[in-house]
């Protein structure tokens, strides 16, 4: 009996109505970006280079907003993701864009003492790796910032269903904004296609949500879009801690 490979997730095709509705969402997004820029002197956008983040990056660049953009280069990103970094720099030459890396000694010590792939064994070990490669660099990136932005959306997961545009980051004592919290996946892709925004090639390979290479895989058609992130864990634990 021959084995039939299950169909993978595919980039959704926005309808004509999605493109029509996009105009209102775009206007609201640019207004939100301008509001953040006017309210804060040192706002920063933490971009994971996901399509959501590319929408916000494009809006920041077009608005000429005083918002810096940075990406956490964890040392475990896919080659396709690293290629997009160069694409962003080329497409938005006037954007203040920076990479932040994990402390090399701490990352090497974790791998040496516990193993490069030990995070598959428990949520605690995985979150420890996330802390070293993502959270500690994020803390450094946000030093001196008075606000930060994310590309989170309510639709993405059960842990984000109550997301709001603005929320306090009480741990850092600064403001936090989610400019496209109320956008649908189809609206995101409508923006990407309409404006011909560069995006990660992994989306074409069945990856609707992309993180570090060993912690991300393609998902089957009909699966939750974050099913490929930390797929060995319960869906309620699928956060790295960046938004806690």
Protein backbone atom coordinates (compact mmCIF):
# COMPACT_ATOMS: atom_id res chain seq x y z
CA UNK A 1 0.00 0.00 0.00
CA UNK A 2 1.44 3.36 -1.01
CA UNK A 3 1.84 6.15 1.53
CA UNK A 4 0.00 9.37 0.77
CA UNK A 5 1.70 12.44 2.22
CA UNK A 6 -0.86 14.69 3.96
CA UNK A 7 -1.46 18.06 2.36
CA UNK A 8 0.35 20.92 4.04
CA UNK A 9 -0.99 24.32 5.06
CA UNK A 10 -0.98 26.76 2.19
CA UNK A 11 -0.84 30.52 2.06
CA UNK A 12 -4.49 31.63 2.19
CA UNK A 13 -6.01 33.45 -0.75
CA UNK A 14 -7.79 36.66 0.31
CA UNK A 15 -11.15 37.32 -1.31
CA UNK A 16 -12.17 40.52 -3.05
CA UNK A 17 -14.02 41.47 0.15
CA UNK A 18 -10.80 41.09 2.17
CA UNK A 19 -9.05 43.59 -0.11
CA UNK A 20 -12.03 45.97 0.12
CA UNK A 21 -12.06 45.78 3.92
CA UNK A 22 -8.30 46.26 4.02
CA UNK A 23 -8.53 49.98 3.34
CA UNK A 24 -10.20 50.64 6.69
CA UNK A 25 -7.73 48.41 8.53
CA UNK A 26 -4.77 50.13 6.86
CA UNK A 27 -6.03 53.57 7.87
CA UNK A 28 -6.45 52.41 11.47
CA UNK A 29 -2.98 50.83 11.47
CA UNK A 30 -1.24 54.00 10.24
CA UNK A 31 -3.15 56.03 12.84
CA UNK A 32 -2.04 53.63 15.57
CA UNK A 33 1.58 53.80 14.45
CA UNK A 34 1.46 57.61 14.43
CA UNK A 35 -0.20 57.63 17.87
CA UNK A 36 2.57 55.46 19.34
CA UNK A 37 5.27 57.55 17.67
CA UNK A 38 3.78 60.78 19.02
CA UNK A 39 3.23 59.46 22.53
CA UNK A 40 6.72 57.99 22.99
CA UNK A 41 10.26 59.18 22.37
CA UNK A 42 11.94 55.75 22.33
CA UNK A 43 9.44 53.18 21.05
CA UNK A 44 10.81 49.93 19.60
CA UNK A 45 9.20 47.21 17.51
CA UNK A 46 10.22 43.60 18.22
CA UNK A 47 9.92 41.93 14.82
CA UNK A 48 10.04 38.15 14.48
CA UNK A 49 9.96 38.68 10.68
CA UNK A 50 6.60 36.92 10.49
CA UNK A 51 4.11 38.25 7.92
CA UNK A 52 2.36 40.16 10.71
CA UNK A 53 5.63 41.84 11.58
CA UNK A 54 6.35 42.63 7.95
CA UNK A 55 3.00 44.46 7.78
CA UNK A 56 3.93 46.59 10.79
CA UNK A 57 7.49 47.14 9.52
CA UNK A 58 6.09 48.40 6.23
CA UNK A 59 3.65 50.71 8.04
CA UNK A 60 6.44 52.13 10.23
CA UNK A 61 8.63 52.76 7.19
CA UNK A 62 5.85 54.37 5.14
CA UNK A 63 4.75 56.52 8.08
CA UNK A 64 8.37 57.56 8.73
CA UNK A 65 7.51 56.96 12.37
CA UNK A 66 10.12 57.42 15.06
CA UNK A 67 10.06 53.72 15.95
CA UNK A 68 13.16 51.52 15.87
CA UNK A 69 12.83 47.92 14.64
CA UNK A 70 14.84 44.98 15.93
CA UNK A 71 14.95 41.21 15.52
CA UNK A 72 16.19 38.58 17.96
CA UNK A 73 18.77 36.52 16.10
CA UNK A 74 18.67 33.47 18.37
CA UNK A 75 21.44 31.57 16.62
CA UNK A 76 18.95 28.83 15.72
CA UNK A 77 16.97 30.54 12.95
CA UNK A 78 16.28 28.94 9.57
CA UNK A 79 18.39 30.06 6.60
CA UNK A 80 15.19 31.38 4.99
CA UNK A 81 14.59 33.64 8.00
CA UNK A 82 18.16 34.95 7.91
CA UNK A 83 17.77 35.66 4.18
CA UNK A 84 14.73 37.80 4.98
CA UNK A 85 16.86 39.93 7.32
CA UNK A 86 18.96 40.99 4.33
CA UNK A 87 15.79 41.57 2.32
CA UNK A 88 14.37 43.89 4.98
CA UNK A 89 17.58 45.94 5.04
CA UNK A 90 17.54 46.23 1.25
CA UNK A 91 13.84 47.13 0.99
CA UNK A 92 13.79 49.63 3.85
CA UNK A 93 17.20 51.38 3.75
CA UNK A 94 15.99 54.28 5.92
CA UNK A 95 14.59 52.04 8.64
CA UNK A 96 16.45 51.90 11.96
CA UNK A 97 16.88 48.11 12.04
CA UNK A 98 19.08 46.11 14.43
CA UNK A 99 19.78 42.50 15.40
CA UNK A 100 20.19 41.32 19.00
CA UNK A 101 22.00 38.08 19.81
CA UNK A 102 22.08 35.80 22.87
CA UNK A 103 25.05 35.91 25.21
CA UNK A 104 27.40 33.43 23.43
CA UNK A 105 28.86 32.06 26.67
CA UNK A 106 25.45 31.37 28.22
CA UNK A 107 24.14 29.75 25.03
CA UNK A 108 27.25 27.56 24.75
CA UNK A 109 27.09 26.61 28.44
CA UNK A 110 23.44 25.50 28.10
CA UNK A 111 24.29 23.34 25.07
CA UNK A 112 27.39 21.91 26.73
CA UNK A 113 25.86 21.08 30.11
CA UNK A 114 22.37 19.99 29.01
CA UNK A 115 22.52 19.26 25.30
CA UNK A 116 21.61 21.17 22.15
CA UNK A 117 18.19 19.50 21.89
CA UNK A 118 17.35 18.80 25.53
CA UNK A 119 14.43 21.26 25.32
CA UNK A 120 12.32 18.49 23.78
CA UNK A 121 12.27 16.78 27.19
CA UNK A 122 10.27 19.36 29.18
CA UNK A 123 8.56 22.74 29.03
CA UNK A 124 10.92 24.00 31.74
CA UNK A 125 14.06 23.11 29.75
CA UNK A 126 12.58 24.61 26.59
CA UNK A 127 11.69 27.84 28.37
CA UNK A 128 15.19 28.02 29.82
CA UNK A 129 16.55 27.88 26.27
CA UNK A 130 14.04 30.53 25.19
CA UNK A 131 15.17 32.74 28.07
CA UNK A 132 18.80 32.59 26.99
CA UNK A 133 18.18 32.98 23.27
CA UNK A 134 15.16 35.30 23.25
CA UNK A 135 14.11 36.87 26.54
CA UNK A 136 17.51 38.06 27.79
CA UNK A 137 18.32 39.61 24.38
CA UNK A 138 14.84 41.20 24.36
CA UNK A 139 15.54 42.75 27.76
CA UNK A 140 18.75 44.24 26.38
CA UNK A 141 16.98 45.48 23.26
CA UNK A 142 14.35 47.27 25.34
CA UNK A 143 16.78 49.03 27.67
CA UNK A 144 16.02 52.74 27.41
CA UNK A 145 12.75 52.16 25.52
CA UNK A 146 9.55 53.76 26.81
CA UNK A 147 7.28 51.48 24.74
CA UNK A 148 7.46 48.43 22.52
CA UNK A 149 5.34 46.95 19.76
CA UNK A 150 4.55 43.36 18.76
CA UNK A 151 2.86 41.63 15.84
CA UNK A 152 0.53 39.55 18.00
CA UNK A 153 -3.06 38.92 16.89
CA UNK A 154 -6.05 37.59 18.82
CA UNK A 155 -6.69 34.96 16.17
CA UNK A 156 -3.28 33.33 16.55
CA UNK A 157 -3.85 31.18 19.63
CA UNK A 158 -5.93 30.55 22.74
CA UNK A 159 -3.28 32.35 24.81
CA UNK A 160 -3.90 35.58 22.84
CA UNK A 161 -7.69 35.65 22.59
CA UNK A 162 -8.02 38.60 25.02
CA UNK A 163 -5.30 40.69 23.40
CA UNK A 164 -5.79 44.47 23.30
CA UNK A 165 -4.17 47.27 21.29
CA UNK A 166 -2.52 48.72 24.38
CA UNK A 167 -1.42 46.97 27.56
CA UNK A 168 1.03 47.85 30.32
CA UNK A 169 4.31 45.98 30.51
CA UNK A 170 4.38 46.12 34.30
CA UNK A 171 7.60 44.13 34.53
CA UNK A 172 9.54 46.76 32.61
CA UNK A 173 7.41 49.74 33.57
CA UNK A 174 6.76 50.71 29.94
CA UNK A 175 3.85 50.57 27.50
CA UNK A 176 3.24 47.74 25.07
CA UNK A 177 1.24 47.89 21.83
CA UNK A 178 -0.20 45.29 19.48
CA UNK A 179 -1.06 47.36 16.36
CA UNK A 180 -2.76 44.55 14.41
CA UNK A 181 -4.34 42.71 17.34
CA UNK A 182 -7.73 42.74 15.58
CA UNK A 183 -6.57 41.71 12.09
CA UNK A 184 -7.50 38.37 10.55
CA UNK A 185 -5.00 36.09 8.82
CA UNK A 186 -6.63 36.89 5.48
CA UNK A 187 -6.31 40.62 6.08
CA UNK A 188 -2.61 40.20 6.85
CA UNK A 189 -2.04 38.33 3.60
CA UNK A 190 -4.17 40.83 1.68
CA UNK A 191 -1.79 43.59 2.84
CA UNK A 192 1.29 41.52 1.99
CA UNK A 193 0.04 40.77 -1.52
CA UNK A 194 -1.37 44.23 -2.22
CA UNK A 195 1.87 46.00 -1.35
CA UNK A 196 4.19 43.20 -2.53
CA UNK A 197 5.92 43.00 0.84
CA UNK A 198 8.80 40.50 1.10
CA UNK A 199 8.09 37.52 3.35
CA UNK A 200 9.75 34.35 4.60
CA UNK A 201 10.04 31.61 1.95
CA UNK A 202 9.07 29.03 4.60
CA UNK A 203 5.44 30.11 4.25
CA UNK A 204 5.50 28.47 0.82
CA UNK A 205 6.64 25.23 2.45
CA UNK A 206 3.73 24.86 4.89
CA UNK A 207 4.99 27.00 7.80
CA UNK A 208 2.23 29.39 8.97
CA UNK A 209 4.14 30.25 12.16
CA UNK A 210 7.93 30.39 12.23
CA UNK A 211 10.33 30.38 15.17
CA UNK A 212 13.70 28.72 15.74
CA UNK A 213 14.52 25.92 13.31
CA UNK A 214 14.48 22.97 15.79
CA UNK A 215 11.23 24.20 17.38
CA UNK A 216 9.21 24.78 14.20
CA UNK A 217 7.81 22.44 11.59
CA UNK A 218 5.22 22.57 8.78
CA UNK A 219 1.59 21.95 9.65
CA UNK A 220 -1.05 19.95 7.84
CA UNK A 221 -3.94 21.60 6.04
CA UNK A 222 -6.72 22.38 8.53
CA UNK A 223 -4.44 22.35 11.59
CA UNK A 224 -4.15 25.30 13.95
CA UNK A 225 -1.67 27.79 12.51
CA UNK A 226 0.57 27.47 15.58
CA UNK A 227 0.47 23.68 15.64
CA UNK A 228 4.00 23.58 14.24
CA UNK A 229 5.45 25.66 17.08
CA UNK A 230 6.75 23.48 19.97
CA UNK A 231 4.51 20.74 18.55
CA UNK A 232 5.50 18.30 21.31
CA UNK A 233 3.86 20.50 23.99
CA UNK A 234 0.31 21.18 25.12
CA UNK A 235 -1.25 24.07 23.19
CA UNK A 236 -1.73 26.06 26.43
CA UNK A 237 2.04 26.22 27.02
CA UNK A 238 3.03 27.42 23.55
CA UNK A 239 4.58 30.75 24.47
CA UNK A 240 8.29 31.44 24.80
CA UNK A 241 7.83 33.98 27.60
CA UNK A 242 8.43 37.13 25.54
CA UNK A 243 4.87 38.27 26.23
CA UNK A 244 4.60 37.26 29.88
